[in-house]
Amino acid sequence: MRVFVTGGTGHSGSHIIPELIAAGHEVTGLARSDASAAALSALGAKVRRGDIEDLDGLKEAAADSDGVIHVAHRQDLLPTGGIDAVAAAEVPIMLAYGDALAGTGKPLVVAGSIGSPGNLGRPATEADPALSAGAEHRGTLRARNVVETTVIGLAERGVRSSVVRIANIAHSTTDRAGFLVQLIALAKEKGFAGYPGDGANQWNAVHIRDVASLFRLALEKGPAGRYWHAVGDGGIPLREIAEAIGSRLGLPVVSIPADELMVPGYFGFLANIVTRNYPADNLETRRTLGWEPVQPGLLADLDNGHYFD
């Protein structure tokens, strides 16, 4: 299969491309710079120069392919417009893919996020819809619900579209800026590893190589109009994550009282999400696609030590 990939040099994309190539697919990655082009070539992909702001270019690339995997987003818009601006910029991109792929039955697989499923009282499942506009906790990529629903809606136009919702913590040896990196940096700065309250609130997680295999499976055989959950660990208490960090760093592990959580408290700008509960399930993804996470779980990955090198 000839696959067009955006975001191919990012944390997810740089693992998705080798996964696709190892399975026998021919990959073309979008590059907006010489550095990105070189990185894509090093991964074994062909290079198409351009960027995701060029909708005509995206249409052409999609039409020339047998399938599209889109994991890029306008991160440059975050400082001024926040996640709402990112979402607003992505909807036209999804519609452009729809125009190029309508009626073909070709796959379009787009990155989403588990984010915050709201106060469900149970793990989030693939059947849970994207949160509506204005819903509680718009501080994560889950606020991109309009993008997810646009992608799913393309199934009605004859596109085999689906969304891979990536766990809130995506970990690997190449993670340089994720949630774990930030927690470790905080512990080093403060001299202890903190967790909010009793630390019983749960976070979902996945190894990025397992994410890559799920994107491949969704591309190859995923039915149209479906959500998939890239979740390896369905729910790990934040206290246990802090304990693993403290153990590796040789630092004490301390509960942060509720009245000390906000800025300029221990967690700083993370305070608005660190107390949230994010359990998630992957049962339907495993049943339908035959996906099974095989890489180390989050706590095992922390124990491997590469996050502390």
C-alpha atoms as a PDB file:
ATOM      1  CA  MET A   1       0.000   0.000   0.000  1.00  0.00           C
ATOM      2  CA  ARG A   2       1.266   3.518  -0.849  1.00  0.00           C
ATOM      3  CA  VAL A   3       0.761   5.536   2.351  1.00  0.00           C
ATOM      4  CA  PHE A   4       0.977   9.297   2.785  1.00  0.00           C
ATOM      5  CA  VAL A   5       2.002  10.302   6.326  1.00  0.00           C
ATOM      6  CA  THR A   6       2.027  13.731   7.969  1.00  0.00           C
ATOM      7  CA  GLY A   7       3.871  14.402  11.218  1.00  0.00           C
ATOM      8  CA  GLY A   8       6.333  11.692  10.301  1.00  0.00           C
ATOM      9  CA  THR A   9       9.240  13.164  12.267  1.00  0.00           C
ATOM     10  CA  GLY A  10       7.302  13.592  15.530  1.00  0.00           C
ATOM     11  CA  HIS A  11       7.151  11.233  18.498  1.00  0.00           C
ATOM     12  CA  SER A  12       4.389   9.083  16.996  1.00  0.00           C
ATOM     13  CA  GLY A  13       5.199   9.496  13.319  1.00  0.00           C
ATOM     14  CA  SER A  14       8.851   8.539  13.651  1.00  0.00           C
ATOM     15  CA  HIS A  15       7.701   5.132  14.904  1.00  0.00           C
ATOM     16  CA  ILE A  16       4.708   4.761  12.584  1.00  0.00           C
ATOM     17  CA  ILE A  17       6.838   5.071   9.438  1.00  0.00           C
ATOM     18  CA  PRO A  18       9.251   2.212  10.298  1.00  0.00           C
ATOM     19  CA  GLU A  19       6.261   0.098  11.372  1.00  0.00           C
ATOM     20  CA  LEU A  20       4.617   0.606   7.980  1.00  0.00           C
ATOM     21  CA  ILE A  21       7.787  -0.030   6.010  1.00  0.00           C
ATOM     22  CA  ALA A  22       8.524  -3.227   7.954  1.00  0.00           C
ATOM     23  CA  ALA A  23       5.047  -4.441   6.982  1.00  0.00           C
ATOM     24  CA  GLY A  24       5.817  -3.883   3.298  1.00  0.00           C
ATOM     25  CA  HIS A  25       4.130  -0.539   2.705  1.00  0.00           C
ATOM     26  CA  GLU A  26       5.632   2.284   0.660  1.00  0.00           C
ATOM     27  CA  VAL A  27       5.612   5.500   2.684  1.00  0.00           C
ATOM     28  CA  THR A  28       5.771   9.121   1.595  1.00  0.00           C
ATOM     29  CA  GLY A  29       6.188  11.673   4.363  1.00  0.00           C
ATOM     30  CA  LEU A  30       5.403  15.376   4.300  1.00  0.00           C
ATOM     31  CA  ALA A  31       8.402  17.616   5.047  1.00  0.00           C
ATOM     32  CA  ARG A  32       8.450  21.382   5.362  1.00  0.00           C
ATOM     33  CA  SER A  33      12.204  21.723   5.954  1.00  0.00           C
ATOM     34  CA  ASP A  34      15.496  20.205   4.847  1.00  0.00           C
ATOM     35  CA  ALA A  35      15.961  18.760   8.330  1.00  0.00           C
ATOM     36  CA  SER A  36      12.570  17.052   8.238  1.00  0.00           C
ATOM     37  CA  ALA A  37      13.258  15.733   4.739  1.00  0.00           C
ATOM     38  CA  ALA A  38      16.557  14.240   5.904  1.00  0.00           C
ATOM     39  CA  ALA A  39      14.885  12.660   8.937  1.00  0.00           C
ATOM     40  CA  LEU A  40      12.162  11.093   6.782  1.00  0.00           C
ATOM     41  CA  SER A  41      14.718   9.724   4.356  1.00  0.00           C
ATOM     42  CA  ALA A  42      16.664   8.242   7.277  1.00  0.00           C
ATOM     43  CA  LEU A  43      13.486   6.431   8.337  1.00  0.00           C
ATOM     44  CA  GLY A  44      13.184   4.929   4.855  1.00  0.00           C
ATOM     45  CA  ALA A  45      10.344   7.099   3.559  1.00  0.00           C
ATOM     46  CA  LYS A  46      10.038   9.024   0.333  1.00  0.00           C
ATOM     47  CA  VAL A  47       9.731  12.778   0.805  1.00  0.00           C
ATOM     48  CA  ARG A  48       7.077  15.214  -0.357  1.00  0.00           C
ATOM     49  CA  ARG A  49       7.944  18.838   0.346  1.00  0.00           C
ATOM     50  CA  GLY A  50       5.171  21.060   1.693  1.00  0.00           C
ATOM     51  CA  ASP A  51       3.183  21.725   4.845  1.00  0.00           C
ATOM     52  CA  ILE A  52      -0.285  21.092   6.218  1.00  0.00           C
ATOM     53  CA  GLU A  53      -1.401  24.645   5.459  1.00  0.00           C
ATOM     54  CA  ASP A  54      -1.337  23.798   1.730  1.00  0.00           C
ATOM     55  CA  LEU A  55      -4.737  22.147   1.346  1.00  0.00           C
ATOM     56  CA  ASP A  56      -4.390  21.628  -2.407  1.00  0.00           C
ATOM     57  CA  GLY A  57      -1.072  19.904  -1.825  1.00  0.00           C
ATOM     58  CA  LEU A  58      -2.651  17.622   0.792  1.00  0.00           C
ATOM     59  CA  LYS A  59      -5.488  16.746  -1.579  1.00  0.00           C
ATOM     60  CA  GLU A  60      -3.032  15.850  -4.311  1.00  0.00           C
ATOM     61  CA  ALA A  61      -0.904  13.727  -1.993  1.00  0.00           C
ATOM     62  CA  ALA A  62      -3.969  11.927  -0.617  1.00  0.00           C
ATOM     63  CA  ALA A  63      -5.380  11.259  -4.077  1.00  0.00           C
ATOM     64  CA  ASP A  64      -2.039   9.812  -5.175  1.00  0.00           C
ATOM     65  CA  SER A  65      -1.919   7.415  -2.219  1.00  0.00           C
ATOM     66  CA  ASP A  66      -3.713   4.223  -1.205  1.00  0.00           C
ATOM     67  CA  GLY A  67      -4.224   5.579   2.296  1.00  0.00           C
ATOM     68  CA  VAL A  68      -3.395   8.476   4.625  1.00  0.00           C
ATOM     69  CA  ILE A  69      -2.155   8.639   8.208  1.00  0.00           C
ATOM     70  CA  HIS A  70      -2.355  12.125   9.709  1.00  0.00           C
ATOM     71  CA  VAL A  71      -0.596  12.778  13.007  1.00  0.00           C
ATOM     72  CA  ALA A  72       0.528  16.376  12.441  1.00  0.00           C
ATOM     73  CA  HIS A  73      -1.140  19.414  13.994  1.00  0.00           C
ATOM     74  CA  ARG A  74      -0.594  23.160  14.067  1.00  0.00           C
ATOM     75  CA  GLN A  75       1.375  23.295  17.288  1.00  0.00           C
ATOM     76  CA  ASP A  76       2.560  26.783  16.329  1.00  0.00           C
ATOM     77  CA  LEU A  77      -0.957  28.081  17.045  1.00  0.00           C
ATOM     78  CA  LEU A  78      -0.976  26.969  20.686  1.00  0.00           C
ATOM     79  CA  PRO A  79       0.794  29.996  22.233  1.00  0.00           C
ATOM     80  CA  THR A  80      -1.637  32.538  20.795  1.00  0.00           C
ATOM     81  CA  GLY A  81      -4.884  30.682  20.112  1.00  0.00           C
ATOM     82  CA  GLY A  82      -4.763  27.628  22.332  1.00  0.00           C
ATOM     83  CA  ILE A  83      -6.185  24.242  21.432  1.00  0.00           C
ATOM     84  CA  ASP A  84      -9.320  25.802  19.922  1.00  0.00           C
ATOM     85  CA  ALA A  85      -7.173  27.504  17.269  1.00  0.00           C
ATOM     86  CA  VAL A  86      -5.402  24.220  16.551  1.00  0.00           C
ATOM     87  CA  ALA A  87      -8.741  22.464  16.095  1.00  0.00           C
ATOM     88  CA  ALA A  88     -10.109  25.227  13.869  1.00  0.00           C
ATOM     89  CA  ALA A  89      -7.083  24.893  11.594  1.00  0.00           C
ATOM     90  CA  GLU A  90      -7.376  21.116  11.371  1.00  0.00           C
ATOM     91  CA  VAL A  91     -11.012  20.849  10.311  1.00  0.00           C
ATOM     92  CA  PRO A  92     -10.320  22.209   6.783  1.00  0.00           C
ATOM     93  CA  ILE A  93      -7.482  19.693   6.511  1.00  0.00           C
ATOM     94  CA  MET A  94      -9.821  16.802   7.284  1.00  0.00           C
ATOM     95  CA  LEU A  95     -12.366  18.115   4.793  1.00  0.00           C
ATOM     96  CA  ALA A  96      -9.626  18.363   2.164  1.00  0.00           C
ATOM     97  CA  TYR A  97      -8.776  14.706   2.721  1.00  0.00           C
ATOM     98  CA  GLY A  98     -12.486  13.950   2.409  1.00  0.00           C
ATOM     99  CA  ASP A  99     -12.646  15.691  -0.972  1.00  0.00           C
ATOM    100  CA  ALA A 100      -9.645  13.723  -2.213  1.00  0.00           C
ATOM    101  CA  LEU A 101     -10.760  10.316  -0.906  1.00  0.00           C
ATOM    102  CA  ALA A 102     -14.566  10.508  -1.202  1.00  0.00           C
ATOM    103  CA  GLY A 103     -16.095   7.381  -2.692  1.00  0.00           C
ATOM    104  CA  THR A 104     -12.801   5.488  -2.834  1.00  0.00           C
ATOM    105  CA  GLY A 105     -13.067   3.427   0.348  1.00  0.00           C
ATOM    106  CA  LYS A 106      -9.431   4.294   1.017  1.00  0.00           C
ATOM    107  CA  PRO A 107      -8.330   4.581   4.658  1.00  0.00           C
ATOM    108  CA  LEU A 108      -7.751   7.832   6.515  1.00  0.00           C
ATOM    109  CA  VAL A 109      -6.400   7.333  10.029  1.00  0.00           C
ATOM    110  CA  VAL A 110      -6.069  10.445  12.202  1.00  0.00           C
ATOM    111  CA  ALA A 111      -4.492  10.908  15.622  1.00  0.00           C
ATOM    112  CA  GLY A 112      -6.825  11.844  18.459  1.00  0.00           C
ATOM    113  CA  SER A 113      -6.489  11.756  22.230  1.00  0.00           C
ATOM    114  CA  ILE A 114      -8.161  10.026  25.149  1.00  0.00           C
ATOM    115  CA  GLY A 115      -7.885  13.332  26.982  1.00  0.00           C
ATOM    116  CA  SER A 116     -10.638  13.830  29.513  1.00  0.00           C
ATOM    117  CA  PRO A 117     -13.721  11.638  29.040  1.00  0.00           C
ATOM    118  CA  GLY A 118     -15.580  13.550  31.726  1.00  0.00           C
ATOM    119  CA  ASN A 119     -16.903  12.167  34.995  1.00  0.00           C
ATOM    120  CA  LEU A 120     -18.046   8.781  33.697  1.00  0.00           C
ATOM    121  CA  GLY A 121     -17.416   6.786  36.867  1.00  0.00           C
ATOM    122  CA  ARG A 122     -15.858   4.090  34.665  1.00  0.00           C
ATOM    123  CA  PRO A 123     -13.036   3.726  32.146  1.00  0.00           C
ATOM    124  CA  ALA A 124     -13.545   5.573  28.859  1.00  0.00           C
ATOM    125  CA  THR A 125     -14.363   3.251  25.957  1.00  0.00           C
ATOM    126  CA  GLU A 126     -14.191   3.481  22.184  1.00  0.00           C
ATOM    127  CA  ALA A 127     -17.966   3.959  22.114  1.00  0.00           C
ATOM    128  CA  ASP A 128     -17.788   7.188  24.109  1.00  0.00           C
ATOM    129  CA  PRO A 129     -18.317  10.170  21.795  1.00  0.00           C
ATOM    130  CA  ALA A 130     -16.035  13.157  21.665  1.00  0.00           C
ATOM    131  CA  LEU A 131     -16.913  15.774  24.264  1.00  0.00           C
ATOM    132  CA  SER A 132     -19.156  18.531  23.031  1.00  0.00           C
ATOM    133  CA  ALA A 133     -17.974  22.110  22.708  1.00  0.00           C
ATOM    134  CA  GLY A 134     -17.757  23.851  26.062  1.00  0.00           C
ATOM    135  CA  ALA A 135     -17.581  20.584  27.970  1.00  0.00           C
ATOM    136  CA  GLU A 136     -15.620  20.241  31.175  1.00  0.00           C
ATOM    137  CA  HIS A 137     -11.810  20.305  31.006  1.00  0.00           C
ATOM    138  CA  ARG A 138     -10.853  21.669  27.622  1.00  0.00           C
ATOM    139  CA  GLY A 139      -7.174  21.821  28.557  1.00  0.00           C
ATOM    140  CA  THR A 140      -6.158  18.650  26.695  1.00  0.00           C
ATOM    141  CA  LEU A 141      -6.259  17.610  23.054  1.00  0.00           C
ATOM    142  CA  ARG A 142      -9.670  16.085  23.795  1.00  0.00           C
ATOM    143  CA  ALA A 143     -10.965  19.573  23.067  1.00  0.00           C
ATOM    144  CA  ARG A 144     -10.202  18.669  19.442  1.00  0.00           C
ATOM    145  CA  ASN A 145     -13.566  16.857  19.412  1.00  0.00           C
ATOM    146  CA  VAL A 146     -14.659  18.795  16.325  1.00  0.00           C
ATOM    147  CA  VAL A 147     -11.691  17.310  14.443  1.00  0.00           C
ATOM    148  CA  GLU A 148     -12.515  13.769  15.560  1.00  0.00           C
ATOM    149  CA  THR A 149     -16.182  14.050  14.641  1.00  0.00           C
ATOM    150  CA  THR A 150     -15.277  15.534  11.258  1.00  0.00           C
ATOM    151  CA  VAL A 151     -13.029  12.546  10.544  1.00  0.00           C
ATOM    152  CA  ILE A 152     -15.679  10.046  11.611  1.00  0.00           C
ATOM    153  CA  GLY A 153     -18.256  11.850   9.479  1.00  0.00           C
ATOM    154  CA  LEU A 154     -16.170  11.237   6.356  1.00  0.00           C
ATOM    155  CA  ALA A 155     -17.254   7.586   6.528  1.00  0.00           C
ATOM    156  CA  GLU A 156     -20.593   8.749   5.100  1.00  0.00           C
ATOM    157  CA  ARG A 157     -18.698  10.034   2.044  1.00  0.00           C
ATOM    158  CA  GLY A 158     -17.117   6.686   1.285  1.00  0.00           C
ATOM    159  CA  VAL A 159     -13.841   7.218   3.158  1.00  0.00           C
ATOM    160  CA  ARG A 160     -12.626   4.414   5.458  1.00  0.00           C
ATOM    161  CA  SER A 161     -11.918   6.975   8.151  1.00  0.00           C
ATOM    162  CA  SER A 162     -11.077   6.324  11.791  1.00  0.00           C
ATOM    163  CA  VAL A 163      -9.465   8.013  14.788  1.00  0.00           C
ATOM    164  CA  VAL A 164      -6.735   6.530  16.974  1.00  0.00           C
ATOM    165  CA  ARG A 165      -7.142   8.087  20.410  1.00  0.00           C
ATOM    166  CA  ILE A 166      -3.668   8.080  21.929  1.00  0.00           C
ATOM    167  CA  ALA A 167      -3.294   7.611  25.690  1.00  0.00           C
ATOM    168  CA  ASN A 168      -2.571  10.667  27.819  1.00  0.00           C
ATOM    169  CA  ILE A 169       0.945   9.383  28.529  1.00  0.00           C
ATOM    170  CA  ALA A 170       2.797   8.098  25.464  1.00  0.00           C
ATOM    171  CA  HIS A 171       6.210   6.854  26.601  1.00  0.00           C
ATOM    172  CA  SER A 172       9.334   5.570  24.872  1.00  0.00           C
ATOM    173  CA  THR A 173      13.098   5.959  24.657  1.00  0.00           C
ATOM    174  CA  THR A 174      12.544   8.919  22.296  1.00  0.00           C
ATOM    175  CA  ASP A 175      10.131  10.856  24.536  1.00  0.00           C
ATOM    176  CA  ARG A 176      11.679  14.286  25.056  1.00  0.00           C
ATOM    177  CA  ALA A 177       8.819  16.529  26.168  1.00  0.00           C
ATOM    178  CA  GLY A 178       5.921  14.403  27.403  1.00  0.00           C
ATOM    179  CA  PHE A 179       4.160  14.288  30.765  1.00  0.00           C
ATOM    180  CA  LEU A 180       6.734  11.951  32.331  1.00  0.00           C
ATOM    181  CA  VAL A 181       9.588  14.230  31.291  1.00  0.00           C
ATOM    182  CA  GLN A 182       7.828  17.152  32.957  1.00  0.00           C
ATOM    183  CA  LEU A 183       7.157  15.223  36.180  1.00  0.00           C
ATOM    184  CA  ILE A 184      10.798  14.132  36.362  1.00  0.00           C
ATOM    185  CA  ALA A 185      11.985  17.705  35.799  1.00  0.00           C
ATOM    186  CA  LEU A 186       9.691  18.926  38.593  1.00  0.00           C
ATOM    187  CA  ALA A 187      11.022  16.301  41.010  1.00  0.00           C
ATOM    188  CA  LYS A 188      14.618  17.307  40.248  1.00  0.00           C
ATOM    189  CA  GLU A 189      13.788  20.992  40.656  1.00  0.00           C
ATOM    190  CA  LYS A 190      11.833  20.611  43.901  1.00  0.00           C
ATOM    191  CA  GLY A 191      13.966  17.894  45.486  1.00  0.00           C
ATOM    192  CA  PHE A 192      11.078  15.455  45.918  1.00  0.00           C
ATOM    193  CA  ALA A 193       8.515  13.653  43.752  1.00  0.00           C
ATOM    194  CA  GLY A 194       5.020  14.978  44.423  1.00  0.00           C
ATOM    195  CA  TYR A 195       1.543  13.640  43.842  1.00  0.00           C
ATOM    196  CA  PRO A 196      -1.818  15.358  44.483  1.00  0.00           C
ATOM    197  CA  GLY A 197      -3.777  14.411  47.599  1.00  0.00           C
ATOM    198  CA  ASP A 198      -3.866  10.642  48.044  1.00  0.00           C
ATOM    199  CA  GLY A 199      -2.607  10.142  44.470  1.00  0.00           C
ATOM    200  CA  ALA A 200      -5.322   7.601  43.712  1.00  0.00           C
ATOM    201  CA  ASN A 201      -6.416   9.337  40.497  1.00  0.00           C
ATOM    202  CA  GLN A 202      -5.523   7.213  37.482  1.00  0.00           C
ATOM    203  CA  TRP A 203      -3.706   8.018  34.246  1.00  0.00           C
ATOM    204  CA  ASN A 204      -3.809   5.889  31.097  1.00  0.00           C
ATOM    205  CA  ALA A 205      -0.588   5.221  29.199  1.00  0.00           C
ATOM    206  CA  VAL A 206       0.852   3.453  26.166  1.00  0.00           C
ATOM    207  CA  HIS A 207       4.256   2.729  24.660  1.00  0.00           C
ATOM    208  CA  ILE A 208       4.729   4.658  21.422  1.00  0.00           C
ATOM    209  CA  ARG A 209       5.752   1.517  19.503  1.00  0.00           C
ATOM    210  CA  ASP A 210       2.409  -0.036  20.394  1.00  0.00           C
ATOM    211  CA  VAL A 211       0.771   3.158  19.101  1.00  0.00           C
ATOM    212  CA  ALA A 212       2.573   2.654  15.791  1.00  0.00           C
ATOM    213  CA  SER A 213       1.311  -0.905  15.413  1.00  0.00           C
ATOM    214  CA  LEU A 214      -2.253   0.247  16.073  1.00  0.00           C
ATOM    215  CA  PHE A 215      -2.060   2.898  13.354  1.00  0.00           C
ATOM    216  CA  ARG A 216      -0.880   0.225  10.926  1.00  0.00           C
ATOM    217  CA  LEU A 217      -3.718  -2.127  11.826  1.00  0.00           C
ATOM    218  CA  ALA A 218      -6.308   0.649  11.545  1.00  0.00           C
ATOM    219  CA  LEU A 219      -4.913   1.533   8.128  1.00  0.00           C
ATOM    220  CA  GLU A 220      -4.877  -2.057   6.906  1.00  0.00           C
ATOM    221  CA  LYS A 221      -8.197  -3.360   8.173  1.00  0.00           C
ATOM    222  CA  GLY A 222     -10.034  -0.887  10.390  1.00  0.00           C
ATOM    223  CA  PRO A 223     -13.739  -0.432   9.535  1.00  0.00           C
ATOM    224  CA  ALA A 224     -14.955   3.050   8.669  1.00  0.00           C
ATOM    225  CA  GLY A 225     -16.255   5.516  11.207  1.00  0.00           C
ATOM    226  CA  ARG A 226     -14.618   4.015  14.277  1.00  0.00           C
ATOM    227  CA  TYR A 227     -12.577   5.169  17.244  1.00  0.00           C
ATOM    228  CA  TRP A 228      -9.618   3.087  18.464  1.00  0.00           C
ATOM    229  CA  HIS A 229      -7.976   3.319  21.869  1.00  0.00           C
ATOM    230  CA  ALA A 230      -4.175   3.224  21.895  1.00  0.00           C
ATOM    231  CA  VAL A 231      -4.074   2.352  25.595  1.00  0.00           C
ATOM    232  CA  GLY A 232      -1.650  -0.111  27.145  1.00  0.00           C
ATOM    233  CA  ASP A 233      -2.053   0.676  30.853  1.00  0.00           C
ATOM    234  CA  GLY A 234      -5.705   1.460  31.453  1.00  0.00           C
ATOM    235  CA  GLY A 235      -5.191   3.320  34.703  1.00  0.00           C
ATOM    236  CA  ILE A 236      -2.116   3.794  36.894  1.00  0.00           C
ATOM    237  CA  PRO A 237      -2.488   5.775  40.146  1.00  0.00           C
ATOM    238  CA  LEU A 238      -0.446   8.960  39.936  1.00  0.00           C
ATOM    239  CA  ARG A 239       1.000   8.118  43.335  1.00  0.00           C
ATOM    240  CA  GLU A 240       2.638   5.005  41.823  1.00  0.00           C
ATOM    241  CA  ILE A 241       4.132   7.084  39.006  1.00  0.00           C
ATOM    242  CA  ALA A 242       5.561   9.530  41.546  1.00  0.00           C
ATOM    243  CA  GLU A 243       6.937   6.627  43.611  1.00  0.00           C
ATOM    244  CA  ALA A 244       8.682   5.190  40.540  1.00  0.00           C
ATOM    245  CA  ILE A 245      10.222   8.594  39.769  1.00  0.00           C
ATOM    246  CA  GLY A 246      11.297   9.132  43.378  1.00  0.00           C
ATOM    247  CA  SER A 247      12.854   5.667  43.524  1.00  0.00           C
ATOM    248  CA  ARG A 248      14.958   6.201  40.380  1.00  0.00           C
ATOM    249  CA  LEU A 249      16.078   9.666  41.504  1.00  0.00           C
ATOM    250  CA  GLY A 250      16.664   8.713  45.122  1.00  0.00           C
ATOM    251  CA  LEU A 251      14.217  11.408  46.241  1.00  0.00           C
ATOM    252  CA  PRO A 252      11.403  11.365  48.835  1.00  0.00           C
ATOM    253  CA  VAL A 253       7.828  11.024  47.590  1.00  0.00           C
ATOM    254  CA  VAL A 254       5.417  13.565  49.041  1.00  0.00           C
ATOM    255  CA  SER A 255       1.658  14.198  48.914  1.00  0.00           C
ATOM    256  CA  ILE A 256       0.781  17.748  47.818  1.00  0.00           C
ATOM    257  CA  PRO A 257      -2.302  19.063  49.696  1.00  0.00           C
ATOM    258  CA  ALA A 258      -5.150  20.457  47.620  1.00  0.00           C
ATOM    259  CA  ASP A 259      -4.574  24.034  48.781  1.00  0.00           C
ATOM    260  CA  GLU A 260      -0.969  23.903  47.491  1.00  0.00           C
ATOM    261  CA  LEU A 261      -1.726  22.538  44.025  1.00  0.00           C
ATOM    262  CA  MET A 262      -2.250  25.752  42.123  1.00  0.00           C
ATOM    263  CA  VAL A 263       0.350  28.143  40.754  1.00  0.00           C
ATOM    264  CA  PRO A 264       2.901  28.851  42.180  1.00  0.00           C
ATOM    265  CA  GLY A 265       2.571  25.469  43.891  1.00  0.00           C
ATOM    266  CA  TYR A 266       4.480  22.289  43.148  1.00  0.00           C
ATOM    267  CA  PHE A 267       2.773  21.413  39.847  1.00  0.00           C
ATOM    268  CA  GLY A 268       2.591  24.900  38.366  1.00  0.00           C
ATOM    269  CA  PHE A 269       0.757  24.947  35.025  1.00  0.00           C
ATOM    270  CA  LEU A 270       0.110  21.186  35.307  1.00  0.00           C
ATOM    271  CA  ALA A 271      -2.132  21.735  38.326  1.00  0.00           C
ATOM    272  CA  ASN A 272      -5.304  21.940  36.234  1.00  0.00           C
ATOM    273  CA  ILE A 273      -4.865  18.400  34.899  1.00  0.00           C
ATOM    274  CA  VAL A 274      -2.766  16.542  37.433  1.00  0.00           C
ATOM    275  CA  THR A 275      -5.712  15.848  39.755  1.00  0.00           C
ATOM    276  CA  ARG A 276      -7.920  14.446  36.984  1.00  0.00           C
ATOM    277  CA  ASN A 277      -8.936  10.817  36.633  1.00  0.00           C
ATOM    278  CA  TYR A 278      -8.292   9.240  33.215  1.00  0.00           C
ATOM    279  CA  PRO A 279      -8.981   5.485  33.234  1.00  0.00           C
ATOM    280  CA  ALA A 280      -9.557   4.074  29.746  1.00  0.00           C
ATOM    281  CA  ASP A 281     -10.349   0.721  28.147  1.00  0.00           C
ATOM    282  CA  ASN A 282      -9.140  -0.848  24.885  1.00  0.00           C
ATOM    283  CA  LEU A 283     -11.394  -3.914  24.643  1.00  0.00           C
ATOM    284  CA  GLU A 284     -13.135  -3.051  21.365  1.00  0.00           C
ATOM    285  CA  THR A 285      -9.826  -2.104  19.730  1.00  0.00           C
ATOM    286  CA  ARG A 286      -8.319  -5.466  20.647  1.00  0.00           C
ATOM    287  CA  ARG A 287     -11.406  -7.418  19.593  1.00  0.00           C
ATOM    288  CA  THR A 288     -11.836  -5.725  16.226  1.00  0.00           C
ATOM    289  CA  LEU A 289      -8.252  -5.183  15.085  1.00  0.00           C
ATOM    290  CA  GLY A 290      -6.444  -7.923  16.993  1.00  0.00           C
ATOM    291  CA  TRP A 291      -4.157  -5.333  18.527  1.00  0.00           C
ATOM    292  CA  GLU A 292      -2.233  -6.354  21.639  1.00  0.00           C
ATOM    293  CA  PRO A 293       0.253  -4.057  23.391  1.00  0.00           C
ATOM    294  CA  VAL A 294       3.562  -5.914  23.653  1.00  0.00           C
ATOM    295  CA  GLN A 295       6.000  -3.182  24.711  1.00  0.00           C
ATOM    296  CA  PRO A 296       6.944  -2.387  28.337  1.00  0.00           C
ATOM    297  CA  GLY A 297       4.255  -0.732  30.419  1.00  0.00           C
ATOM    298  CA  LEU A 298       4.743   2.722  31.897  1.00  0.00           C
ATOM    299  CA  LEU A 299       6.185   1.643  35.258  1.00  0.00           C
ATOM    300  CA  ALA A 300       8.497  -0.899  33.594  1.00  0.00           C
ATOM    301  CA  ASP A 301       9.665   1.774  31.158  1.00  0.00           C
ATOM    302  CA  LEU A 302      10.475   4.091  34.049  1.00  0.00           C
ATOM    303  CA  ASP A 303      12.334   1.248  35.725  1.00  0.00           C
ATOM    304  CA  ASN A 304      14.404   0.741  32.560  1.00  0.00           C
ATOM    305  CA  GLY A 305      16.096   4.016  33.421  1.00  0.00           C
ATOM    306  CA  HIS A 306      16.328   5.736  30.036  1.00  0.00           C
ATOM    307  CA  TYR A 307      14.130   8.614  31.255  1.00  0.00           C
ATOM    308  CA  PHE A 308      16.813   9.429  33.822  1.00  0.00           C
ATOM    309  CA  ASP A 309      19.925   9.296  31.618  1.00  0.00           C
END
